[in-house]
């Protein structure tokens, strides 16, 4: 059974035809995650962030760039994107050590110094780049 509109909007602070406003707890989602998600929505929406009256809470106001944009759906998608960003950050933190080891190993095996080039003047052009 599908929830009615009032049940779906219970977590939203303000809903109108022009904008939707809700609060995000920055103890759960970092400000970095909130900004990354906001950035992903800038093509379809105008977003405004402001500190809420509570500590560690940011108010997000979303206004659609087009009049026919369903802000109820956008707010739900935004909330899911916050969860996605949080999980991505958690995985990045958990796997940081192994990623650093892989990159270090890749660079250790690569010879990044071109030993065929003799120490000469750039005017001499030993690689023939100017040709």
C-alpha atoms as a PDB file:
ATOM      1  CA  UNK A   1       0.000   0.000   0.000  1.00  0.00           C
ATOM      2  CA  UNK A   2       1.374   3.395  -0.947  1.00  0.00           C
ATOM      3  CA  UNK A   3       1.728   6.111   1.694  1.00  0.00           C
ATOM      4  CA  UNK A   4      -0.296   9.240   1.178  1.00  0.00           C
ATOM      5  CA  UNK A   5       1.408  12.544   0.469  1.00  0.00           C
ATOM      6  CA  UNK A   6       1.250  13.734   4.079  1.00  0.00           C
ATOM      7  CA  UNK A   7       3.070  10.610   5.307  1.00  0.00           C
ATOM      8  CA  UNK A   8       5.744  10.930   2.631  1.00  0.00           C
ATOM      9  CA  UNK A   9       6.282  14.580   3.476  1.00  0.00           C
ATOM     10  CA  UNK A  10       6.424  14.091   7.259  1.00  0.00           C
ATOM     11  CA  UNK A  11      10.210  14.481   7.319  1.00  0.00           C
ATOM     12  CA  UNK A  12      10.104  17.638   5.202  1.00  0.00           C
ATOM     13  CA  UNK A  13      10.055  20.947   7.039  1.00  0.00           C
ATOM     14  CA  UNK A  14       8.292  22.972   4.342  1.00  0.00           C
ATOM     15  CA  UNK A  15       6.758  22.005   1.014  1.00  0.00           C
ATOM     16  CA  UNK A  16       5.193  24.251  -1.604  1.00  0.00           C
ATOM     17  CA  UNK A  17       4.853  24.249  -5.371  1.00  0.00           C
ATOM     18  CA  UNK A  18       7.991  26.386  -5.617  1.00  0.00           C
ATOM     19  CA  UNK A  19      10.363  24.942  -3.012  1.00  0.00           C
ATOM     20  CA  UNK A  20      10.977  22.241  -0.448  1.00  0.00           C
ATOM     21  CA  UNK A  21      12.944  22.755   2.760  1.00  0.00           C
ATOM     22  CA  UNK A  22      14.353  20.161   5.125  1.00  0.00           C
ATOM     23  CA  UNK A  23      17.122  19.762   7.666  1.00  0.00           C
ATOM     24  CA  UNK A  24      20.205  17.565   7.479  1.00  0.00           C
ATOM     25  CA  UNK A  25      22.019  16.436  10.619  1.00  0.00           C
ATOM     26  CA  UNK A  26      25.740  17.007  10.030  1.00  0.00           C
ATOM     27  CA  UNK A  27      26.598  14.455  12.724  1.00  0.00           C
ATOM     28  CA  UNK A  28      25.266  11.827  10.298  1.00  0.00           C
ATOM     29  CA  UNK A  29      26.192  13.390   6.946  1.00  0.00           C
ATOM     30  CA  UNK A  30      29.315  15.549   6.782  1.00  0.00           C
ATOM     31  CA  UNK A  31      29.116  19.031   5.306  1.00  0.00           C
ATOM     32  CA  UNK A  32      31.391  17.789   2.538  1.00  0.00           C
ATOM     33  CA  UNK A  33      28.850  15.077   1.672  1.00  0.00           C
ATOM     34  CA  UNK A  34      25.989  17.589   1.758  1.00  0.00           C
ATOM     35  CA  UNK A  35      27.833  19.949  -0.597  1.00  0.00           C
ATOM     36  CA  UNK A  36      28.751  17.129  -2.985  1.00  0.00           C
ATOM     37  CA  UNK A  37      25.128  16.029  -3.201  1.00  0.00           C
ATOM     38  CA  UNK A  38      23.965  19.627  -3.636  1.00  0.00           C
ATOM     39  CA  UNK A  39      26.439  20.070  -6.470  1.00  0.00           C
ATOM     40  CA  UNK A  40      24.995  17.010  -8.228  1.00  0.00           C
ATOM     41  CA  UNK A  41      21.570  18.708  -8.218  1.00  0.00           C
ATOM     42  CA  UNK A  42      22.634  22.153  -9.456  1.00  0.00           C
ATOM     43  CA  UNK A  43      21.718  21.332 -13.046  1.00  0.00           C
ATOM     44  CA  UNK A  44      18.057  20.717 -12.164  1.00  0.00           C
ATOM     45  CA  UNK A  45      17.607  22.844  -9.040  1.00  0.00           C
ATOM     46  CA  UNK A  46      18.608  25.938  -7.164  1.00  0.00           C
ATOM     47  CA  UNK A  47      19.874  25.024  -3.712  1.00  0.00           C
ATOM     48  CA  UNK A  48      20.436  27.134  -0.644  1.00  0.00           C
ATOM     49  CA  UNK A  49      22.110  25.977   2.563  1.00  0.00           C
ATOM     50  CA  UNK A  50      21.847  27.750   5.897  1.00  0.00           C
ATOM     51  CA  UNK A  51      22.643  26.845   9.476  1.00  0.00           C
ATOM     52  CA  UNK A  52      19.551  25.671  11.329  1.00  0.00           C
ATOM     53  CA  UNK A  53      18.558  26.788  14.803  1.00  0.00           C
ATOM     54  CA  UNK A  54      19.880  23.491  16.194  1.00  0.00           C
ATOM     55  CA  UNK A  55      23.583  22.797  16.496  1.00  0.00           C
ATOM     56  CA  UNK A  56      25.044  20.392  13.891  1.00  0.00           C
ATOM     57  CA  UNK A  57      22.073  20.825  11.550  1.00  0.00           C
ATOM     58  CA  UNK A  58      21.966  22.510   8.159  1.00  0.00           C
ATOM     59  CA  UNK A  59      18.788  23.618   6.426  1.00  0.00           C
ATOM     60  CA  UNK A  60      18.538  22.772   2.725  1.00  0.00           C
ATOM     61  CA  UNK A  61      16.101  24.631   0.489  1.00  0.00           C
ATOM     62  CA  UNK A  62      15.552  23.280  -3.009  1.00  0.00           C
ATOM     63  CA  UNK A  63      13.786  25.226  -5.734  1.00  0.00           C
ATOM     64  CA  UNK A  64      13.213  23.698  -9.151  1.00  0.00           C
ATOM     65  CA  UNK A  65      14.613  25.448 -12.214  1.00  0.00           C
ATOM     66  CA  UNK A  66      11.590  24.226 -14.175  1.00  0.00           C
ATOM     67  CA  UNK A  67       8.032  24.690 -12.969  1.00  0.00           C
ATOM     68  CA  UNK A  68       6.980  21.107 -13.662  1.00  0.00           C
ATOM     69  CA  UNK A  69       9.698  19.570 -11.454  1.00  0.00           C
ATOM     70  CA  UNK A  70       8.228  17.315  -8.737  1.00  0.00           C
ATOM     71  CA  UNK A  71      10.008  18.577  -5.628  1.00  0.00           C
ATOM     72  CA  UNK A  72       8.646  15.731  -3.515  1.00  0.00           C
ATOM     73  CA  UNK A  73      10.547  13.274  -5.726  1.00  0.00           C
ATOM     74  CA  UNK A  74      13.644  15.517  -5.817  1.00  0.00           C
ATOM     75  CA  UNK A  75      13.710  15.650  -2.001  1.00  0.00           C
ATOM     76  CA  UNK A  76      13.515  11.861  -1.830  1.00  0.00           C
ATOM     77  CA  UNK A  77      16.261  11.453  -4.417  1.00  0.00           C
ATOM     78  CA  UNK A  78      18.386  13.998  -2.544  1.00  0.00           C
ATOM     79  CA  UNK A  79      17.984  12.014   0.676  1.00  0.00           C
ATOM     80  CA  UNK A  80      19.012   8.795  -1.062  1.00  0.00           C
ATOM     81  CA  UNK A  81      22.009  10.589  -2.585  1.00  0.00           C
ATOM     82  CA  UNK A  82      23.079  11.649   0.919  1.00  0.00           C
ATOM     83  CA  UNK A  83      23.081   8.015   2.012  1.00  0.00           C
ATOM     84  CA  UNK A  84      25.000   7.026  -1.124  1.00  0.00           C
ATOM     85  CA  UNK A  85      27.625   9.732  -0.501  1.00  0.00           C
ATOM     86  CA  UNK A  86      27.988   8.704   3.143  1.00  0.00           C
ATOM     87  CA  UNK A  87      28.537   5.052   2.186  1.00  0.00           C
ATOM     88  CA  UNK A  88      31.063   6.076  -0.507  1.00  0.00           C
ATOM     89  CA  UNK A  89      33.001   8.113   2.081  1.00  0.00           C
ATOM     90  CA  UNK A  90      32.929   5.223   4.565  1.00  0.00           C
ATOM     91  CA  UNK A  91      34.222   2.773   1.951  1.00  0.00           C
ATOM     92  CA  UNK A  92      36.928   5.226   0.862  1.00  0.00           C
ATOM     93  CA  UNK A  93      38.083   5.528   4.471  1.00  0.00           C
ATOM     94  CA  UNK A  94      38.026   1.756   4.994  1.00  0.00           C
ATOM     95  CA  UNK A  95      40.007   1.044   1.814  1.00  0.00           C
ATOM     96  CA  UNK A  96      42.408   4.003   1.925  1.00  0.00           C
ATOM     97  CA  UNK A  97      45.400   1.964   3.107  1.00  0.00           C
ATOM     98  CA  UNK A  98      45.085  -0.670   0.389  1.00  0.00           C
ATOM     99  CA  UNK A  99      44.595   1.991  -2.317  1.00  0.00           C
ATOM    100  CA  UNK A 100      47.725   3.805  -1.126  1.00  0.00           C
ATOM    101  CA  UNK A 101      49.685   0.532  -1.235  1.00  0.00           C
ATOM    102  CA  UNK A 102      48.481  -0.221  -4.770  1.00  0.00           C
ATOM    103  CA  UNK A 103      49.456   3.250  -5.999  1.00  0.00           C
ATOM    104  CA  UNK A 104      52.823   3.094  -4.236  1.00  0.00           C
ATOM    105  CA  UNK A 105      53.515  -0.326  -5.791  1.00  0.00           C
ATOM    106  CA  UNK A 106      52.547   0.919  -9.244  1.00  0.00           C
ATOM    107  CA  UNK A 107      54.925   3.861  -9.004  1.00  0.00           C
ATOM    108  CA  UNK A 108      57.679   1.730  -7.488  1.00  0.00           C
ATOM    109  CA  UNK A 109      57.616  -0.569 -10.526  1.00  0.00           C
ATOM    110  CA  UNK A 110      57.490   2.289 -13.028  1.00  0.00           C
ATOM    111  CA  UNK A 111      60.698   3.980 -14.052  1.00  0.00           C
ATOM    112  CA  UNK A 112      59.575   7.581 -13.989  1.00  0.00           C
ATOM    113  CA  UNK A 113      62.991   8.981 -14.825  1.00  0.00           C
ATOM    114  CA  UNK A 114      63.993   8.968 -18.468  1.00  0.00           C
ATOM    115  CA  UNK A 115      67.596   7.845 -18.226  1.00  0.00           C
ATOM    116  CA  UNK A 116      68.184   8.033 -21.988  1.00  0.00           C
ATOM    117  CA  UNK A 117      68.139  11.802 -21.893  1.00  0.00           C
ATOM    118  CA  UNK A 118      71.538  13.285 -21.193  1.00  0.00           C
ATOM    119  CA  UNK A 119      71.820  16.350 -19.072  1.00  0.00           C
ATOM    120  CA  UNK A 120      71.821  19.055 -21.669  1.00  0.00           C
ATOM    121  CA  UNK A 121      70.373  22.381 -22.432  1.00  0.00           C
ATOM    122  CA  UNK A 122      66.773  22.768 -23.469  1.00  0.00           C
ATOM    123  CA  UNK A 123      68.144  24.641 -26.459  1.00  0.00           C
ATOM    124  CA  UNK A 124      69.929  21.480 -27.670  1.00  0.00           C
ATOM    125  CA  UNK A 125      66.573  19.621 -27.834  1.00  0.00           C
ATOM    126  CA  UNK A 126      67.977  16.100 -27.286  1.00  0.00           C
ATOM    127  CA  UNK A 127      64.551  14.467 -27.823  1.00  0.00           C
ATOM    128  CA  UNK A 128      63.835  16.315 -31.040  1.00  0.00           C
ATOM    129  CA  UNK A 129      60.602  17.755 -29.687  1.00  0.00           C
ATOM    130  CA  UNK A 130      60.740  20.905 -31.784  1.00  0.00           C
ATOM    131  CA  UNK A 131      60.848  18.951 -35.032  1.00  0.00           C
END
